[in-house]
Amino acid sequence: MPRADIVLLSYPDTTPQNVTLLRAAAIRRGIILHEWIPHRISIWCANGRAEPLYENSPSEPAVIIHRTVARLQGLVVPALELWADKGSVIVNDPPAAVASRDKLVTAMRLTAAGLPIVPSLGFLPWESADLDRLPSGATVIKPAHGLQGRGVSFFGSRAAAGAEARTIAWGHVQDLVSEYYLAQPVIGSPGQDVRAYVVDGACVALARRKSTQPGEPRANI
């Protein structure tokens, strides 16, 4: 692959509108955009070295834009780091991208940095889950690794949310799932949220997302 080319590491059905915009931007700038499917990446280890492969072949892209690392982080992140060692520019630090997708890790890092956050309780549902640390009003429960609003539930009160959090009673250890949840007071309108875009340590833009359907919930600000 020529070193002037750019790789888009993404599943085309994940926010396809964004993929369409990236394709159009590449065409306007005369950039050849190669679209890679994340699970076709592999790593070969032998003779004292590790080598990243795509579709079973070595490649050295000039730039990699990754969009869906978190789902396959155990293999894709090490592969991206190997490409970086070979000189590829990786847009968005892979460990930071994985951490930012985890709502609990994000809340903890913002807290450690002294920034104000929405009060948040990270928990696994169980028969005695207690949300009493939260305000008594409207409450949202969301998976820590949600995607496009999936699994986000809004409740009119903390008590109703707590009842939902206690609906799963774990039995044996094998019943446990890897996902955990956040409970938060509802801030602003459930039909919209705000995203901040940070480039090189500075917030450069804000975007307000709104529901496309009346009554459709969106995650908290």
Protein backbone atom coordinates (compact mmCIF):
# COMPACT_ATOMS: atom_id res chain seq x y z
CA MET A 1 0.00 0.00 0.00
CA PRO A 2 1.41 3.47 -0.86
CA ARG A 3 2.41 5.47 2.22
CA ALA A 4 0.13 8.36 1.09
CA ASP A 5 -3.03 6.32 1.57
CA ILE A 6 -5.35 6.34 4.57
CA VAL A 7 -7.06 3.37 6.19
CA LEU A 8 -10.53 3.69 7.72
CA LEU A 9 -10.87 0.89 10.27
CA SER A 10 -14.60 0.55 10.72
CA TYR A 11 -17.72 -1.51 10.17
CA PRO A 12 -19.72 0.22 7.40
CA ASP A 13 -23.03 -0.37 9.20
CA THR A 14 -21.81 1.45 12.35
CA THR A 15 -23.13 5.03 12.03
CA PRO A 16 -23.09 4.74 8.20
CA GLN A 17 -23.76 8.48 7.82
CA ASN A 18 -20.32 9.18 9.30
CA VAL A 19 -18.69 6.72 6.91
CA THR A 20 -20.40 8.46 3.98
CA LEU A 21 -19.03 11.83 5.14
CA LEU A 22 -15.50 10.44 5.49
CA ARG A 23 -15.67 8.95 1.99
CA ALA A 24 -16.83 12.28 0.56
CA ALA A 25 -14.08 14.17 2.41
CA ALA A 26 -11.44 11.80 1.00
CA ILE A 27 -12.73 12.28 -2.56
CA ARG A 28 -12.67 16.08 -2.21
CA ARG A 29 -9.04 15.94 -1.09
CA GLY A 30 -7.87 13.36 -3.59
CA ILE A 31 -7.12 10.83 -0.84
CA ILE A 32 -7.35 7.10 -1.47
CA LEU A 33 -9.41 5.73 1.42
CA HIS A 34 -9.02 2.02 2.16
CA GLU A 35 -11.83 0.59 4.29
CA TRP A 36 -10.69 -2.21 6.57
CA ILE A 37 -12.95 -4.54 8.56
CA PRO A 38 -11.60 -4.79 12.16
CA HIS A 39 -11.97 -8.55 12.62
CA ARG A 40 -9.81 -9.22 9.56
CA ILE A 41 -6.76 -7.99 11.48
CA SER A 42 -4.35 -10.55 12.92
CA ILE A 43 -0.94 -10.52 14.59
CA TRP A 44 1.91 -12.90 13.72
CA CYS A 45 4.52 -13.58 16.42
CA ALA A 46 7.71 -15.49 15.58
CA ASN A 47 11.50 -15.20 15.48
CA GLY A 48 11.64 -12.48 18.11
CA ARG A 49 9.18 -10.08 16.47
CA ALA A 50 5.46 -9.38 16.23
CA GLU A 51 3.89 -8.20 12.98
CA PRO A 52 0.38 -6.81 12.37
CA LEU A 53 -1.46 -8.22 9.35
CA TYR A 54 -4.59 -7.31 7.46
CA GLU A 55 -6.33 -10.08 5.53
CA ASN A 56 -3.29 -12.25 6.29
CA SER A 57 -0.80 -9.88 4.65
CA PRO A 58 1.64 -7.25 6.02
CA SER A 59 0.81 -3.63 5.27
CA GLU A 60 2.14 -0.24 6.35
CA PRO A 61 -0.56 2.44 5.99
CA ALA A 62 0.46 6.06 6.44
CA VAL A 63 -2.61 6.88 8.55
CA ILE A 64 -5.23 4.74 10.31
CA ILE A 65 -8.55 6.22 11.43
CA HIS A 66 -10.21 3.73 13.76
CA ARG A 67 -13.88 3.90 14.74
CA THR A 68 -14.78 0.59 16.43
CA VAL A 69 -11.74 -0.49 18.41
CA ALA A 70 -13.46 -1.19 21.72
CA ARG A 71 -15.34 -4.28 20.57
CA LEU A 72 -12.11 -6.06 19.60
CA GLN A 73 -9.65 -4.21 21.79
CA GLY A 74 -7.70 -7.28 22.93
CA LEU A 75 -6.30 -7.77 19.42
CA VAL A 76 -6.94 -4.55 17.48
CA VAL A 77 -5.32 -2.20 20.01
CA PRO A 78 -2.01 -4.16 20.08
CA ALA A 79 -2.08 -4.28 16.27
CA LEU A 80 -2.55 -0.51 16.07
CA GLU A 81 0.34 -0.02 18.49
CA LEU A 82 2.53 -2.24 16.31
CA TRP A 83 1.62 -0.18 13.23
CA ALA A 84 2.45 2.98 15.17
CA ASP A 85 5.87 1.52 15.97
CA LYS A 86 6.36 1.01 12.22
CA GLY A 87 5.58 4.66 11.51
CA SER A 88 1.81 4.73 10.90
CA VAL A 89 -0.08 7.69 12.34
CA ILE A 90 -2.99 6.42 14.46
CA VAL A 91 -5.75 9.03 14.70
CA ASN A 92 -7.06 8.88 18.30
CA ASP A 93 -4.87 7.12 20.87
CA PRO A 94 -6.23 3.53 21.06
CA PRO A 95 -6.15 3.10 24.89
CA ALA A 96 -7.78 6.53 25.27
CA ALA A 97 -10.45 5.58 22.73
CA VAL A 98 -11.23 2.39 24.66
CA ALA A 99 -11.37 4.27 27.97
CA SER A 100 -13.63 6.99 26.58
CA ARG A 101 -16.22 4.42 25.52
CA ASP A 102 -16.51 3.23 29.14
CA LYS A 103 -18.86 5.66 30.89
CA LEU A 104 -17.66 4.68 34.38
CA VAL A 105 -13.96 5.05 33.52
CA THR A 106 -14.75 8.41 31.92
CA ALA A 107 -16.62 9.60 35.03
CA MET A 108 -13.74 8.52 37.26
CA ARG A 109 -11.11 10.28 35.12
CA LEU A 110 -13.14 13.49 34.94
CA THR A 111 -13.57 13.34 38.72
CA ALA A 112 -9.83 12.80 39.21
CA ALA A 113 -9.18 15.82 36.99
CA GLY A 114 -11.37 17.96 39.22
CA LEU A 115 -14.07 18.49 36.60
CA PRO A 116 -17.80 18.57 37.46
CA ILE A 117 -19.77 15.52 36.32
CA VAL A 118 -23.29 14.16 36.54
CA PRO A 119 -23.44 12.18 39.84
CA SER A 120 -22.96 8.57 38.78
CA LEU A 121 -23.24 5.15 40.42
CA GLY A 122 -21.48 2.27 38.68
CA PHE A 123 -23.01 -1.07 39.63
CA LEU A 124 -23.95 -4.59 38.63
CA PRO A 125 -27.67 -5.36 38.96
CA TRP A 126 -28.47 -7.59 41.93
CA GLU A 127 -31.34 -8.18 44.34
CA SER A 128 -30.20 -5.52 46.83
CA ALA A 129 -28.87 -2.86 44.46
CA ASP A 130 -29.24 0.52 46.21
CA LEU A 131 -29.51 3.79 44.28
CA ASP A 132 -30.22 5.94 47.36
CA ARG A 133 -27.06 7.99 46.86
CA LEU A 134 -28.73 9.59 43.83
CA PRO A 135 -31.31 12.39 43.97
CA SER A 136 -34.89 11.17 44.29
CA GLY A 137 -36.14 12.50 40.93
CA ALA A 138 -36.01 11.19 37.38
CA THR A 139 -33.21 8.66 36.87
CA VAL A 140 -31.50 7.05 33.91
CA ILE A 141 -29.83 3.61 33.87
CA LYS A 142 -27.42 2.91 31.03
CA PRO A 143 -24.89 0.18 30.16
CA ALA A 144 -21.31 1.34 30.64
CA HIS A 145 -20.52 0.41 27.03
CA GLY A 146 -23.73 1.48 25.35
CA LEU A 147 -24.01 2.17 21.63
CA GLN A 148 -26.27 4.78 20.04
CA GLY A 149 -28.69 4.79 22.97
CA ARG A 150 -29.19 1.02 23.11
CA GLY A 151 -30.07 -0.26 26.55
CA VAL A 152 -30.61 3.24 28.01
CA SER A 153 -33.71 3.39 30.23
CA PHE A 154 -35.31 6.49 31.75
CA PHE A 155 -37.44 6.33 34.90
CA GLY A 156 -39.70 8.92 36.50
CA SER A 157 -38.12 8.42 39.92
CA ARG A 158 -35.10 6.95 41.66
CA ALA A 159 -37.36 4.37 43.30
CA ALA A 160 -38.59 3.08 39.93
CA ALA A 161 -35.01 2.87 38.65
CA GLY A 162 -33.94 1.03 41.80
CA ALA A 163 -36.72 -1.52 41.33
CA GLU A 164 -35.45 -2.16 37.80
CA ALA A 165 -31.85 -2.49 39.04
CA ARG A 166 -32.96 -5.23 41.43
CA THR A 167 -34.78 -7.36 38.84
CA ILE A 168 -31.78 -9.59 38.16
CA ALA A 169 -30.79 -11.87 41.02
CA TRP A 170 -27.49 -13.59 40.32
CA GLY A 171 -27.26 -17.29 41.01
CA HIS A 172 -24.05 -19.07 40.20
CA VAL A 173 -20.89 -17.26 39.21
CA GLN A 174 -21.32 -18.36 35.59
CA ASP A 175 -24.51 -16.28 35.42
CA LEU A 176 -22.52 -13.06 35.66
CA VAL A 177 -22.16 -10.97 32.53
CA SER A 178 -19.27 -8.67 31.71
CA GLU A 179 -21.38 -5.53 31.29
CA TYR A 180 -22.01 -3.18 34.17
CA TYR A 181 -24.25 -0.15 34.44
CA LEU A 182 -24.41 3.49 35.46
CA ALA A 183 -27.30 5.13 37.26
CA GLN A 184 -27.55 8.93 37.10
CA PRO A 185 -30.09 11.68 37.73
CA VAL A 186 -31.66 12.85 34.48
CA ILE A 187 -30.10 16.15 33.35
CA GLY A 188 -31.81 18.24 30.68
CA SER A 189 -34.26 16.85 28.15
CA PRO A 190 -34.25 13.06 27.59
CA GLY A 191 -34.65 13.82 23.88
CA GLN A 192 -31.21 15.29 23.38
CA ASP A 193 -27.61 15.25 24.53
CA VAL A 194 -24.40 17.19 24.02
CA ARG A 195 -21.09 15.87 22.69
CA ALA A 196 -17.76 17.63 23.14
CA TYR A 197 -14.94 17.23 20.61
CA VAL A 198 -11.44 17.38 22.07
CA VAL A 199 -8.40 17.77 19.80
CA ASP A 200 -4.88 17.84 21.25
CA GLY A 201 -6.20 18.46 24.75
CA ALA A 202 -8.55 21.35 23.87
CA CYS A 203 -12.33 21.34 23.36
CA VAL A 204 -12.76 22.63 19.80
CA ALA A 205 -16.48 22.06 19.19
CA LEU A 206 -19.79 21.06 20.76
CA ALA A 207 -22.61 19.20 19.06
CA ARG A 208 -26.19 18.81 20.27
CA ARG A 209 -27.85 15.55 19.23
CA LYS A 210 -31.63 15.37 19.12
CA SER A 211 -34.03 12.44 18.87
CA THR A 212 -35.51 11.75 15.46
CA GLN A 213 -38.75 10.39 16.90
CA PRO A 214 -41.02 12.03 19.52
CA GLY A 215 -40.35 10.49 22.92
CA GLU A 216 -37.18 8.71 21.81
CA PRO A 217 -34.68 8.86 24.68
CA ARG A 218 -31.10 9.98 24.38
CA ALA A 219 -28.31 9.61 26.90
CA ASN A 220 -27.55 12.31 29.47
CA ILE A 221 -25.53 15.42 28.74
